[in-house]
Amino acid sequence: MAYQPRPILRAAMIFSRISFKLILIVGISLLGMIALVPIALSTLRSQMVADRQAKTQHMVDVGYGILAHYQKLESEGKLPREQAQAAAMAEIKSLRYDKVEYFWINDMTPKMVMHPIKPELDGKDLAGMKDPSGNALFLGFVDVVKKQGAGFYGYLWPKPGFEQPVGKISYVKGFAPWGWIIGTGIYLDDVDAVFRQDAMTFGLVCLAVFVLVLGASFVIGRSVTRPLATITGLTERLAAGDSAFEVPYTNRRDEVGGLAKALAVFKDNAAAVGRMHAEQQETKQRADDEKRKTMAELAGRFEASVQAVVRDVFSEARAMQQAAQGMSETANKATDRASFVATACQQASNNVQTVAAAAGQLSASITEISQRVAQAATVADKAAADGQRTNDTVQGLAAAAHKIGEVIDLINQIASQTNLLALNATIEAARAGEAGKGFAVVASEVKSLASQTAKATDEIGAQITAIQAETNQVVGNIESIRATIMEVNEISSSIAAAVEEQGAATQAIAHSVQEAASGTDQVSQNISGVTDATAETGEVAGLVLQSSGRLTEKLQSLENEVSAFVAGVRAA
């Protein structure tokens, strides 16, 4: 099931969009404009009322000027007061502005002096007249004039031709020479009617502005968000490795055009990086091929050198094994023959009474013993020579093992240099940053291979050390064999001398049986020594044979290790 973001996260994603932010800005602006509408309308109405009040004040000043004109005529004596007042009232009574607005005059009593709309009020005391709200309006006029000389006063009064009182604000001003108060006013319902018309017009204008701003905001938002969405999608494709597209909006001169141009630069850089990566891959492949070629050549030379050494050691080991086998067989034969001679001597001792009768036979037997002893001496000399050759062979094996150790040192040096090169490659790859990551992996693999090479050479060194130890042991054993063979040679010489003495004694055997018996005992004892010596020689030969077998096994193990190492190097 696909992951569905939680409502809070979805709301956060919506709120983070540029389109929402643009709508939010426009919405706040429109809300601010809507909030300013009542203030503007209230200000408009207040201004309309103020304009009307200013107009009424001006009109009262006009009427006041008429009264002043006629009062001047009175003061100059051109007109009597009654005539001047009548003329002034007649002129003011006929005045109209805004088609229906008029002037009235009352005195400070208050008593109506002249009212053009309601002439029935002329001459009446107005102190008790009140509007529907209980306001004694004419007393209010008098009070304003007494306090300020002139001013505005609000009250209820019917419009001309109507009976229903409506709100009205009048401006009254006192004319002191005659004790009159002249005034005129505006009806608030007229102001409200004009205000409603203006408010309707203002509302329509605001609505038109609202629609215009909303439409313009939508168009502007679309002109921003749609290119941004397109550029965002192309950026995501570029991040995914897809650069097969053309970047639009690069000819625009606004921020979107700058962003599109930057994306085009990123695209070109990504293509350049791709080409550089391909070149790096090609360079890496060439380096790998060169490395494999070098390692293969090195492995071939190493394998040929080691195999030559191993073949030489194998040959020497087989020769030593054959010599030890021959030595063992010779020792067995010498033992058998010594046992045969001992039996013959024993029989001679038992039959010493019949020696005289068998002197001829004894002489022949002694001659045969002399020949056998000569053969034993020859075998001993040959064993000594074989021991010397075996010793030389083992010394050659030790020298070969030392040469293999030098080869191992060379491999260790190569592994150290390879490890150092891998470390330098790792440092250069780290400097290269993202572009050197692949090369860093190769350097790490080369470093690992160098470590494996060092480990394999250490194991081979351990095997060579074991071979050297076995070789030293074989050298010691061969020295022991040579000493034993020399001792056998000495014994054989003693036997030869004894046989010669026995031959002389045989010539006189007829004269002294006791001397023959004594000589027979001496021969029996010497033959026992020969038997022991030949048995010891057989044991030593067996040890040499076992050592040569172990040496062969070690050489086989060395050959296997070298083959595995060479295979690993070639596989790298």
Protein backbone atom coordinates (compact mmCIF):
# COMPACT_ATOMS: atom_id res chain seq x y z
CA MET A 1 0.00 0.00 0.00
CA ALA A 2 1.44 3.41 -1.01
CA TYR A 3 2.28 5.84 1.74
CA GLN A 4 -0.37 8.50 2.24
CA PRO A 5 0.78 11.70 3.98
CA ARG A 6 -1.18 12.70 7.04
CA PRO A 7 -3.61 15.64 6.81
CA ILE A 8 -1.24 17.89 8.78
CA LEU A 9 1.64 17.07 6.44
CA ARG A 10 -0.56 17.58 3.38
CA ALA A 11 -1.65 20.95 4.75
CA ALA A 12 1.99 21.87 5.43
CA MET A 13 2.91 20.92 1.86
CA ILE A 14 0.06 23.05 0.48
CA PHE A 15 1.02 26.01 2.69
CA SER A 16 4.63 25.78 1.52
CA ARG A 17 3.72 26.20 -2.17
CA ILE A 18 4.52 29.47 -3.92
CA SER A 19 1.05 29.56 -5.46
CA PHE A 20 -0.51 29.42 -2.02
CA LYS A 21 1.81 32.18 -0.83
CA LEU A 22 0.83 34.35 -3.81
CA ILE A 23 -2.85 33.67 -3.13
CA LEU A 24 -2.24 34.44 0.53
CA ILE A 25 -0.63 37.79 -0.36
CA VAL A 26 -3.48 38.68 -2.70
CA GLY A 27 -6.05 37.50 -0.16
CA ILE A 28 -4.50 39.57 2.61
CA SER A 29 -4.41 42.58 0.29
CA LEU A 30 -8.04 42.11 -0.69
CA LEU A 31 -9.07 41.57 2.92
CA GLY A 32 -7.21 44.75 3.82
CA MET A 33 -9.00 46.56 1.03
CA ILE A 34 -12.36 45.17 2.18
CA ALA A 35 -11.54 46.21 5.74
CA LEU A 36 -10.75 49.72 4.48
CA VAL A 37 -14.10 50.00 2.64
CA PRO A 38 -16.19 50.81 5.78
CA ILE A 39 -13.54 53.26 6.91
CA ALA A 40 -13.48 54.86 3.48
CA LEU A 41 -17.28 55.00 3.35
CA SER A 42 -17.44 56.47 6.83
CA THR A 43 -14.84 59.03 5.86
CA LEU A 44 -16.75 59.72 2.64
CA ARG A 45 -19.99 60.35 4.52
CA SER A 46 -18.25 62.52 7.05
CA GLN A 47 -16.63 64.46 4.23
CA MET A 48 -19.98 64.80 2.45
CA VAL A 49 -21.58 66.11 5.63
CA ALA A 50 -18.63 68.44 6.18
CA ASP A 51 -18.91 69.68 2.59
CA ARG A 52 -22.62 70.32 3.04
CA GLN A 53 -21.98 72.05 6.33
CA ALA A 54 -19.36 74.24 4.70
CA LYS A 55 -21.81 75.03 1.94
CA THR A 56 -24.59 75.93 4.39
CA GLN A 57 -22.15 78.09 6.30
CA HIS A 58 -21.24 79.84 3.08
CA MET A 59 -24.89 80.30 2.14
CA VAL A 60 -25.64 81.73 5.59
CA ASP A 61 -22.80 84.14 5.04
CA VAL A 62 -24.49 85.13 1.76
CA GLY A 63 -27.77 85.78 3.60
CA TYR A 64 -25.90 87.54 6.36
CA GLY A 65 -24.35 89.80 3.69
CA ILE A 66 -27.84 90.71 2.44
CA LEU A 67 -28.89 91.66 5.99
CA ALA A 68 -25.71 93.66 6.43
CA HIS A 69 -26.36 95.45 3.14
CA TYR A 70 -29.80 96.58 4.13
CA GLN A 71 -28.71 97.44 7.65
CA LYS A 72 -26.05 99.63 6.10
CA LEU A 73 -28.69 101.35 4.03
CA GLU A 74 -30.57 101.87 7.26
CA SER A 75 -27.57 103.27 9.07
CA GLU A 76 -26.87 105.59 6.20
CA GLY A 77 -30.44 106.84 6.45
CA LYS A 78 -31.35 105.76 3.01
CA LEU A 79 -34.06 103.38 4.26
CA PRO A 80 -35.98 103.26 7.47
CA ARG A 81 -35.53 100.12 9.57
CA GLU A 82 -38.94 98.62 8.81
CA GLN A 83 -38.49 99.10 5.09
CA ALA A 84 -34.92 97.87 5.20
CA GLN A 85 -35.97 94.78 7.20
CA ALA A 86 -38.90 94.10 4.88
CA ALA A 87 -36.68 94.40 1.81
CA ALA A 88 -34.06 92.14 3.39
CA MET A 89 -36.68 89.51 4.36
CA ALA A 90 -38.21 89.60 0.90
CA GLU A 91 -34.89 89.06 -0.79
CA ILE A 92 -33.82 86.28 1.58
CA LYS A 93 -37.23 84.64 1.34
CA SER A 94 -36.80 84.23 -2.38
CA LEU A 95 -33.32 82.74 -2.13
CA ARG A 96 -32.95 79.03 -3.00
CA TYR A 97 -29.95 76.73 -3.44
CA ASP A 98 -29.85 73.11 -4.46
CA LYS A 99 -33.33 73.84 -5.85
CA VAL A 100 -35.14 73.26 -2.54
CA GLU A 101 -32.95 74.62 0.23
CA TYR A 102 -34.05 77.90 1.84
CA PHE A 103 -33.30 80.39 4.66
CA TRP A 104 -35.33 81.41 7.71
CA ILE A 105 -35.01 84.20 10.22
CA ASN A 106 -36.01 84.23 13.87
CA ASP A 107 -35.13 86.59 16.68
CA MET A 108 -33.58 85.97 20.11
CA THR A 109 -36.94 85.51 21.86
CA PRO A 110 -37.23 83.15 19.97
CA LYS A 111 -39.97 84.26 17.61
CA MET A 112 -40.23 83.43 13.93
CA VAL A 113 -39.50 86.48 11.80
CA MET A 114 -39.72 84.83 8.38
CA HIS A 115 -40.10 81.24 7.17
CA PRO A 116 -40.57 80.79 3.39
CA ILE A 117 -41.90 77.24 3.59
CA LYS A 118 -44.12 77.60 6.66
CA PRO A 119 -45.35 81.20 6.65
CA GLU A 120 -47.87 80.27 9.32
CA LEU A 121 -45.01 80.32 11.79
CA ASP A 122 -44.22 83.97 11.08
CA GLY A 123 -44.63 86.09 14.24
CA LYS A 124 -45.16 83.09 16.54
CA ASP A 125 -43.20 82.40 19.70
CA LEU A 126 -41.14 79.27 19.08
CA ALA A 127 -39.78 78.70 22.57
CA GLY A 128 -42.06 75.72 23.09
CA MET A 129 -41.61 74.13 19.66
CA LYS A 130 -39.88 70.79 19.86
CA ASP A 131 -39.05 68.11 17.30
CA PRO A 132 -40.33 64.50 17.69
CA SER A 133 -37.30 63.69 19.83
CA GLY A 134 -38.18 66.43 22.35
CA ASN A 135 -35.48 68.80 21.25
CA ALA A 136 -36.41 72.53 21.61
CA LEU A 137 -34.65 73.42 18.43
CA PHE A 138 -35.19 77.22 18.34
CA LEU A 139 -34.03 77.58 21.93
CA GLY A 140 -30.99 75.61 20.79
CA PHE A 141 -30.43 78.10 17.95
CA VAL A 142 -30.55 80.99 20.41
CA ASP A 143 -28.23 79.19 22.79
CA VAL A 144 -25.65 78.54 20.02
CA VAL A 145 -25.71 82.20 18.95
CA LYS A 146 -25.43 83.44 22.51
CA LYS A 147 -22.44 81.18 23.19
CA GLN A 148 -20.61 81.23 19.85
CA GLY A 149 -22.23 83.86 17.68
CA ALA A 150 -22.73 81.16 15.03
CA GLY A 151 -22.69 77.39 14.79
CA PHE A 152 -24.27 74.10 13.73
CA TYR A 153 -27.23 72.46 15.39
CA GLY A 154 -28.86 69.11 14.62
CA TYR A 155 -32.57 68.29 14.92
CA LEU A 156 -35.57 66.72 13.14
CA TRP A 157 -37.60 68.76 10.60
CA PRO A 158 -39.92 67.76 7.74
CA LYS A 159 -38.79 68.34 4.18
CA PRO A 160 -40.81 70.67 1.97
CA GLY A 161 -43.95 68.91 0.82
CA PHE A 162 -43.64 66.18 3.44
CA GLU A 163 -44.93 65.79 6.95
CA GLN A 164 -42.51 63.20 8.21
CA PRO A 165 -39.59 64.83 10.08
CA VAL A 166 -36.10 63.77 8.99
CA GLY A 167 -32.65 64.49 10.31
CA LYS A 168 -31.36 67.96 9.57
CA ILE A 169 -28.27 69.99 10.48
CA SER A 170 -28.58 73.77 10.30
CA TYR A 171 -26.10 76.58 10.55
CA VAL A 172 -27.34 79.63 12.42
CA LYS A 173 -25.67 83.01 12.79
CA GLY A 174 -26.76 85.99 14.84
CA PHE A 175 -27.25 89.42 13.28
CA ALA A 176 -26.79 91.66 16.30
CA PRO A 177 -27.94 95.06 14.83
CA TRP A 178 -31.46 93.78 14.41
CA GLY A 179 -31.36 90.95 17.01
CA TRP A 180 -32.07 88.40 14.34
CA ILE A 181 -30.78 84.87 13.72
CA ILE A 182 -30.47 83.74 10.11
CA GLY A 183 -30.11 80.07 9.36
CA THR A 184 -30.28 77.33 6.77
CA GLY A 185 -29.72 73.59 6.88
CA ILE A 186 -29.22 70.35 5.04
CA TYR A 187 -31.34 67.25 5.26
CA LEU A 188 -29.32 64.20 6.21
CA ASP A 189 -31.48 61.88 4.11
CA ASP A 190 -30.32 63.79 1.04
CA VAL A 191 -26.76 63.25 2.20
CA ASP A 192 -27.56 59.59 2.84
CA ALA A 193 -29.10 59.22 -0.61
CA VAL A 194 -26.05 60.72 -2.25
CA PHE A 195 -23.88 58.67 0.08
CA ARG A 196 -25.69 55.48 -0.85
CA GLN A 197 -25.27 56.27 -4.52
CA ASP A 198 -21.60 57.07 -4.03
CA ALA A 199 -21.20 53.98 -1.81
CA MET A 200 -22.80 51.87 -4.51
CA THR A 201 -20.45 53.36 -7.09
CA PHE A 202 -17.52 52.87 -4.73
CA GLY A 203 -18.60 49.30 -4.07
CA LEU A 204 -18.86 48.58 -7.78
CA VAL A 205 -15.44 50.12 -8.31
CA CYS A 206 -14.04 48.04 -5.42
CA LEU A 207 -15.68 44.94 -6.85
CA ALA A 208 -14.23 45.69 -10.25
CA VAL A 209 -10.83 46.28 -8.64
CA PHE A 210 -11.26 43.06 -6.65
CA VAL A 211 -12.07 41.09 -9.79
CA LEU A 212 -9.30 42.82 -11.69
CA VAL A 213 -6.75 42.20 -8.92
CA LEU A 214 -7.93 38.61 -8.55
CA GLY A 215 -7.70 38.02 -12.28
CA ALA A 216 -4.35 39.76 -12.54
CA SER A 217 -3.10 37.80 -9.53
CA PHE A 218 -4.29 34.58 -11.11
CA VAL A 219 -2.61 35.43 -14.41
CA ILE A 220 0.58 36.59 -12.69
CA GLY A 221 0.53 33.58 -10.37
CA ARG A 222 0.08 31.25 -13.31
CA SER A 223 2.88 33.02 -15.16
CA VAL A 224 5.12 32.34 -12.15
CA THR A 225 3.92 29.01 -10.76
CA ARG A 226 3.52 27.21 -14.08
CA PRO A 227 7.10 27.99 -15.23
CA LEU A 228 8.35 27.17 -11.73
CA ALA A 229 6.49 23.85 -11.83
CA THR A 230 7.97 23.13 -15.26
CA ILE A 231 11.48 24.07 -14.11
CA THR A 232 11.00 22.03 -10.92
CA GLY A 233 10.02 18.97 -12.96
CA LEU A 234 12.99 19.44 -15.27
CA THR A 235 15.26 19.86 -12.24
CA GLU A 236 13.97 16.58 -10.82
CA ARG A 237 14.62 14.89 -14.17
CA LEU A 238 18.14 16.34 -14.19
CA ALA A 239 18.68 15.10 -10.62
CA ALA A 240 17.56 11.64 -11.77
CA GLY A 241 20.21 11.70 -14.49
CA ASP A 242 17.91 12.57 -17.44
CA SER A 243 19.27 15.55 -19.38
CA ALA A 244 17.46 14.86 -22.67
CA PHE A 245 15.28 17.98 -22.62
CA GLU A 246 15.29 21.62 -23.66
CA VAL A 247 15.04 24.29 -20.96
CA PRO A 248 12.17 26.74 -21.69
CA TYR A 249 11.70 30.35 -20.52
CA THR A 250 15.39 31.23 -20.99
CA ASN A 251 14.38 34.31 -23.03
CA ARG A 252 12.44 35.83 -20.12
CA ARG A 253 14.05 38.77 -18.35
CA ASP A 254 12.58 38.16 -14.92
CA GLU A 255 13.59 35.83 -12.08
CA VAL A 256 11.97 32.88 -13.87
CA GLY A 257 14.23 33.52 -16.84
CA GLY A 258 17.24 33.69 -14.52
CA LEU A 259 16.19 30.42 -12.92
CA ALA A 260 15.72 28.81 -16.34
CA LYS A 261 19.15 30.04 -17.43
CA ALA A 262 20.66 28.63 -14.23
CA LEU A 263 18.94 25.30 -14.94
CA ALA A 264 20.37 25.35 -18.46
CA VAL A 265 23.83 25.91 -16.96
CA PHE A 266 23.22 23.02 -14.54
CA LYS A 267 22.15 20.85 -17.47
CA ASP A 268 25.29 21.73 -19.43
CA ASN A 269 27.42 21.09 -16.34
CA ALA A 270 25.68 17.74 -15.81
CA ALA A 271 26.44 16.79 -19.41
CA ALA A 272 30.06 17.85 -18.88
CA VAL A 273 30.20 15.83 -15.67
CA GLY A 274 28.77 12.84 -17.55
CA ARG A 275 31.43 13.16 -20.22
CA MET A 276 34.11 13.55 -17.57
CA HIS A 277 32.76 10.50 -15.77
CA ALA A 278 32.89 8.49 -19.00
CA GLU A 279 36.47 9.65 -19.56
CA GLN A 280 37.33 8.70 -15.99
CA GLN A 281 35.77 5.28 -16.51
CA GLU A 282 37.79 4.85 -19.70
CA THR A 283 40.98 5.97 -17.90
CA LYS A 284 40.20 3.62 -15.03
CA GLN A 285 39.64 0.75 -17.47
CA ARG A 286 42.97 1.45 -19.15
CA ALA A 287 44.69 1.63 -15.75
CA ASP A 288 43.04 -1.65 -14.73
CA ASP A 289 44.16 -3.29 -17.96
CA GLU A 290 47.71 -2.03 -17.48
CA LYS A 291 47.67 -3.19 -13.87
CA ARG A 292 46.37 -6.64 -14.79
CA LYS A 293 48.96 -6.90 -17.55
CA THR A 294 51.78 -5.89 -15.18
CA MET A 295 50.56 -8.22 -12.45
CA ALA A 296 50.22 -11.08 -14.95
CA GLU A 297 53.78 -10.51 -16.18
CA LEU A 298 55.05 -10.31 -12.61
CA ALA A 299 53.12 -13.46 -11.68
CA GLY A 300 54.50 -15.28 -14.71
CA ARG A 301 58.09 -14.36 -13.86
CA PHE A 302 57.55 -15.22 -10.22
CA GLU A 303 55.88 -18.55 -11.07
CA ALA A 304 58.67 -19.50 -13.49
CA SER A 305 61.36 -18.62 -10.93
CA VAL A 306 59.68 -20.46 -8.07
CA GLN A 307 58.86 -23.49 -10.20
CA ALA A 308 62.50 -23.73 -11.32
CA VAL A 309 63.65 -23.60 -7.70
CA VAL A 310 61.00 -26.12 -6.65
CA ARG A 311 61.98 -28.48 -9.49
CA ASP A 312 65.62 -28.31 -8.42
CA VAL A 313 64.69 -28.97 -4.80
CA PHE A 314 62.38 -31.82 -5.86
CA SER A 315 65.23 -33.37 -7.86
CA GLU A 316 67.66 -33.09 -4.95
CA ALA A 317 65.06 -34.47 -2.54
CA ARG A 318 64.40 -37.46 -4.80
CA ALA A 319 68.17 -38.10 -5.08
CA MET A 320 68.50 -37.91 -1.30
CA GLN A 321 65.53 -40.24 -0.91
CA GLN A 322 67.06 -42.76 -3.33
CA ALA A 323 70.43 -42.56 -1.51
CA ALA A 324 68.74 -43.11 1.82
CA GLN A 325 66.82 -46.05 0.35
CA GLY A 326 70.05 -47.58 -0.95
CA MET A 327 71.76 -46.96 2.38
CA SER A 328 68.91 -48.70 4.20
CA GLU A 329 69.04 -51.70 1.86
CA THR A 330 72.85 -51.96 2.23
CA ALA A 331 72.55 -51.79 6.01
CA ASN A 332 69.94 -54.56 5.94
CA LYS A 333 72.21 -56.75 3.81
CA ALA A 334 75.20 -56.06 6.10
CA THR A 335 73.09 -57.00 9.10
CA ASP A 336 71.96 -60.23 7.49
CA ARG A 337 75.51 -61.16 6.54
CA ALA A 338 76.88 -60.20 9.95
CA SER A 339 74.23 -62.42 11.54
CA PHE A 340 75.29 -65.23 9.21
CA VAL A 341 78.96 -64.77 10.21
CA ALA A 342 78.02 -64.70 13.88
CA THR A 343 76.16 -68.00 13.48
CA ALA A 344 79.15 -69.49 11.71
CA CYS A 345 81.47 -68.32 14.47
CA GLN A 346 79.15 -69.78 17.06
CA GLN A 347 79.18 -73.08 15.25
CA ALA A 348 82.99 -72.85 15.07
CA SER A 349 83.15 -72.32 18.82
CA ASN A 350 80.83 -75.25 19.46
CA ASN A 351 82.82 -77.48 17.14
CA VAL A 352 86.25 -76.32 18.19
CA GLN A 353 87.21 -79.99 18.74
CA THR A 354 86.67 -80.65 15.06
CA VAL A 355 88.48 -77.52 13.82
CA ALA A 356 91.63 -79.40 13.13
CA ALA A 357 89.82 -81.77 10.85
CA ALA A 358 88.07 -78.85 9.09
CA ALA A 359 91.05 -76.51 8.87
CA GLY A 360 90.79 -76.35 5.13
CA GLN A 361 87.12 -75.51 5.32
CA LEU A 362 87.81 -72.89 8.02
CA SER A 363 90.52 -71.33 5.87
CA ALA A 364 88.02 -71.06 3.03
CA SER A 365 85.44 -69.59 5.41
CA ILE A 366 87.94 -67.05 6.66
CA THR A 367 88.75 -66.12 3.08
CA GLU A 368 85.07 -65.59 2.42
CA ILE A 369 84.81 -63.53 5.61
CA SER A 370 87.68 -61.38 4.37
CA GLN A 371 85.85 -60.81 1.11
CA ARG A 372 82.62 -59.94 2.94
CA VAL A 373 84.45 -57.54 5.22
CA ALA A 374 86.04 -55.93 2.17
CA GLN A 375 82.59 -55.60 0.65
CA ALA A 376 81.32 -54.11 3.92
CA ALA A 377 84.17 -51.61 3.86
CA THR A 378 83.31 -50.76 0.26
CA VAL A 379 79.63 -50.31 1.19
CA ALA A 380 80.66 -48.13 4.14
CA ASP A 381 82.82 -45.98 1.86
CA LYS A 382 79.94 -45.71 -0.59
CA ALA A 383 77.55 -44.80 2.24
CA ALA A 384 80.00 -42.12 3.38
CA ALA A 385 80.15 -40.76 -0.18
CA ASP A 386 76.34 -40.89 -0.45
CA GLY A 387 76.07 -39.13 2.90
CA GLN A 388 78.41 -36.41 1.65
CA ARG A 389 76.33 -36.01 -1.54
CA THR A 390 73.15 -35.96 0.53
CA ASN A 391 74.71 -33.29 2.73
CA ASP A 392 75.61 -31.25 -0.38
CA THR A 393 72.06 -31.73 -1.70
CA VAL A 394 70.54 -30.55 1.57
CA GLN A 395 72.93 -27.58 1.60
CA GLY A 396 71.70 -26.79 -1.93
CA LEU A 397 68.11 -27.10 -0.65
CA ALA A 398 68.92 -24.64 2.16
CA ALA A 399 70.42 -22.24 -0.40
CA ALA A 400 67.28 -22.66 -2.57
CA ALA A 401 65.09 -21.97 0.45
CA HIS A 402 67.17 -18.84 1.14
CA LYS A 403 66.69 -17.79 -2.51
CA ILE A 404 62.92 -18.32 -2.13
CA GLY A 405 63.09 -16.09 0.97
CA GLU A 406 64.70 -13.38 -1.16
CA VAL A 407 61.89 -13.75 -3.70
CA ILE A 408 59.37 -13.41 -0.86
CA ASP A 409 61.14 -10.22 0.29
CA LEU A 410 60.81 -8.92 -3.26
CA ILE A 411 57.08 -9.75 -3.22
CA ASN A 412 56.72 -7.96 0.13
CA GLN A 413 58.41 -4.89 -1.33
CA ILE A 414 56.05 -4.99 -4.32
CA ALA A 415 53.07 -5.35 -1.96
CA SER A 416 54.32 -2.38 0.11
CA GLN A 417 54.73 -0.25 -3.03
CA THR A 418 51.26 -1.33 -4.22
CA ASN A 419 49.79 -0.43 -0.81
CA LEU A 420 51.52 2.98 -0.92
CA LEU A 421 50.22 3.60 -4.47
CA ALA A 422 46.71 2.59 -3.34
CA LEU A 423 46.97 5.05 -0.41
CA ASN A 424 48.07 7.86 -2.76
CA ALA A 425 45.20 6.96 -5.13
CA THR A 426 42.76 7.09 -2.19
CA ILE A 427 44.04 10.56 -1.22
CA GLU A 428 43.73 11.83 -4.83
CA ALA A 429 40.22 10.32 -5.08
CA ALA A 430 39.22 12.10 -1.87
CA ARG A 431 40.48 15.38 -3.35
CA ALA A 432 38.43 14.74 -6.47
CA GLY A 433 35.22 14.55 -4.39
CA GLU A 434 32.20 12.93 -6.02
CA ALA A 435 34.06 12.40 -9.30
CA GLY A 436 36.73 10.30 -7.55
CA LYS A 437 34.46 7.92 -5.70
CA GLY A 438 34.80 5.17 -8.32
CA PHE A 439 38.58 5.56 -8.36
CA ALA A 440 38.57 5.43 -4.53
CA VAL A 441 36.80 2.06 -4.70
CA VAL A 442 39.45 0.75 -7.12
CA ALA A 443 42.22 2.08 -4.85
CA SER A 444 40.60 0.35 -1.90
CA GLU A 445 40.47 -2.94 -3.87
CA VAL A 446 44.15 -2.57 -4.85
CA LYS A 447 45.02 -1.88 -1.23
CA SER A 448 43.07 -4.97 -0.14
CA LEU A 449 44.87 -7.06 -2.80
CA ALA A 450 48.24 -5.75 -1.54
CA SER A 451 47.27 -6.74 2.00
CA GLN A 452 46.28 -10.24 0.77
CA THR A 453 49.61 -10.47 -1.10
CA ALA A 454 51.53 -9.54 2.07
CA LYS A 455 49.54 -12.11 4.01
CA ALA A 456 50.23 -14.83 1.39
CA THR A 457 53.95 -14.02 1.38
CA ASP A 458 53.98 -14.19 5.17
CA GLU A 459 52.43 -17.67 4.96
CA ILE A 460 54.99 -18.69 2.31
CA GLY A 461 57.76 -17.30 4.54
CA ALA A 462 56.46 -19.42 7.39
CA GLN A 463 56.53 -22.49 5.12
CA ILE A 464 60.10 -21.64 4.01
CA THR A 465 61.13 -21.24 7.67
CA ALA A 466 59.67 -24.69 8.39
CA ILE A 467 61.57 -26.12 5.40
CA GLN A 468 64.79 -24.50 6.62
CA ALA A 469 64.24 -25.99 10.08
CA GLU A 470 63.64 -29.45 8.55
CA THR A 471 66.69 -28.96 6.33
CA ASN A 472 68.87 -28.12 9.33
CA GLN A 473 67.55 -31.25 11.06
CA VAL A 474 68.37 -33.34 7.97
CA VAL A 475 71.90 -31.86 7.93
CA GLY A 476 72.34 -32.93 11.54
CA ASN A 477 71.03 -36.40 10.80
CA ILE A 478 73.31 -36.75 7.79
CA GLU A 479 76.29 -35.70 9.90
CA SER A 480 75.31 -38.43 12.37
CA ILE A 481 75.06 -40.94 9.50
CA ARG A 482 78.47 -39.91 8.24
CA ALA A 483 79.97 -40.34 11.72
CA THR A 484 78.35 -43.77 12.01
CA ILE A 485 79.59 -44.76 8.57
CA MET A 486 83.10 -43.68 9.51
CA GLU A 487 82.83 -45.79 12.64
CA VAL A 488 81.63 -48.74 10.52
CA ASN A 489 84.60 -48.16 8.24
CA GLU A 490 86.94 -48.24 11.19
CA ILE A 491 85.29 -51.45 12.44
CA SER A 492 85.59 -52.95 8.97
CA SER A 493 89.29 -52.13 9.00
CA SER A 494 89.58 -53.78 12.37
CA ILE A 495 87.71 -56.80 11.00
CA ALA A 496 90.08 -56.96 8.04
CA ALA A 497 93.08 -56.90 10.35
CA ALA A 498 91.46 -59.55 12.52
CA VAL A 499 90.77 -61.69 9.48
CA GLU A 500 94.41 -61.42 8.47
CA GLU A 501 95.45 -62.45 11.94
CA GLN A 502 92.90 -65.26 11.81
CA GLY A 503 94.40 -66.41 8.52
CA ALA A 504 97.79 -66.65 10.15
CA ALA A 505 96.26 -68.46 13.07
CA THR A 506 94.56 -70.87 10.71
CA GLN A 507 97.96 -71.98 9.41
CA ALA A 508 98.83 -72.96 12.95
CA ILE A 509 95.38 -74.26 13.89
CA ALA A 510 96.61 -77.75 13.91
CA HIS A 511 99.11 -76.83 16.55
CA SER A 512 96.85 -74.88 18.88
CA VAL A 513 93.07 -75.44 19.08
CA GLN A 514 92.98 -73.08 22.02
CA GLU A 515 94.31 -70.21 19.89
CA ALA A 516 91.65 -71.03 17.23
CA ALA A 517 88.89 -70.93 19.84
CA SER A 518 90.20 -67.61 21.14
CA GLY A 519 90.32 -66.19 17.62
CA THR A 520 86.79 -67.44 16.98
CA ASP A 521 85.52 -65.66 20.11
CA GLN A 522 87.20 -62.43 19.01
CA VAL A 523 85.62 -62.71 15.56
CA SER A 524 82.19 -63.35 17.13
CA GLN A 525 82.52 -60.23 19.29
CA ASN A 526 83.61 -58.09 16.33
CA ILE A 527 80.73 -59.41 14.23
CA SER A 528 78.28 -58.40 17.03
CA GLY A 529 79.71 -54.85 16.86
CA VAL A 530 79.28 -54.87 13.10
CA THR A 531 75.67 -56.03 13.52
CA ASP A 532 74.94 -53.22 15.97
CA ALA A 533 76.63 -50.63 13.71
CA THR A 534 74.75 -51.79 10.62
CA ALA A 535 71.46 -51.73 12.54
CA GLU A 536 72.17 -48.16 13.66
CA THR A 537 73.05 -47.28 10.08
CA GLY A 538 69.66 -48.70 8.96
CA GLU A 539 67.84 -46.59 11.55
CA VAL A 540 69.67 -43.43 10.47
CA ALA A 541 68.91 -44.25 6.83
CA GLY A 542 65.23 -44.59 7.78
CA LEU A 543 65.34 -41.14 9.43
CA VAL A 544 66.93 -39.69 6.29
CA LEU A 545 64.18 -41.33 4.22
CA GLN A 546 61.46 -39.86 6.48
CA SER A 547 63.08 -36.39 6.36
CA SER A 548 63.24 -36.54 2.57
CA GLY A 549 59.53 -37.49 2.51
CA ARG A 550 58.63 -34.54 4.74
CA LEU A 551 60.77 -32.28 2.57
CA THR A 552 58.85 -33.49 -0.49
CA GLU A 553 55.53 -32.72 1.25
CA LYS A 554 56.75 -29.23 2.23
CA LEU A 555 57.86 -28.59 -1.34
CA GLN A 556 54.44 -29.71 -2.61
CA SER A 557 52.76 -27.35 -0.11
CA LEU A 558 55.07 -24.54 -1.24
CA GLU A 559 54.18 -25.22 -4.87
CA ASN A 560 50.45 -25.13 -4.03
CA GLU A 561 50.81 -21.84 -2.11
CA VAL A 562 52.78 -20.28 -4.95
CA SER A 563 50.18 -21.45 -7.48
CA ALA A 564 47.36 -20.00 -5.36
CA PHE A 565 49.23 -16.70 -4.98
CA VAL A 566 49.91 -16.45 -8.71
CA ALA A 567 46.28 -17.29 -9.49
CA GLY A 568 45.14 -14.55 -7.08
CA VAL A 569 47.48 -12.00 -8.66
CA ARG A 570 46.31 -12.90 -12.17
CA ALA A 571 42.68 -12.78 -11.13
CA ALA A 572 43.20 -9.25 -9.81
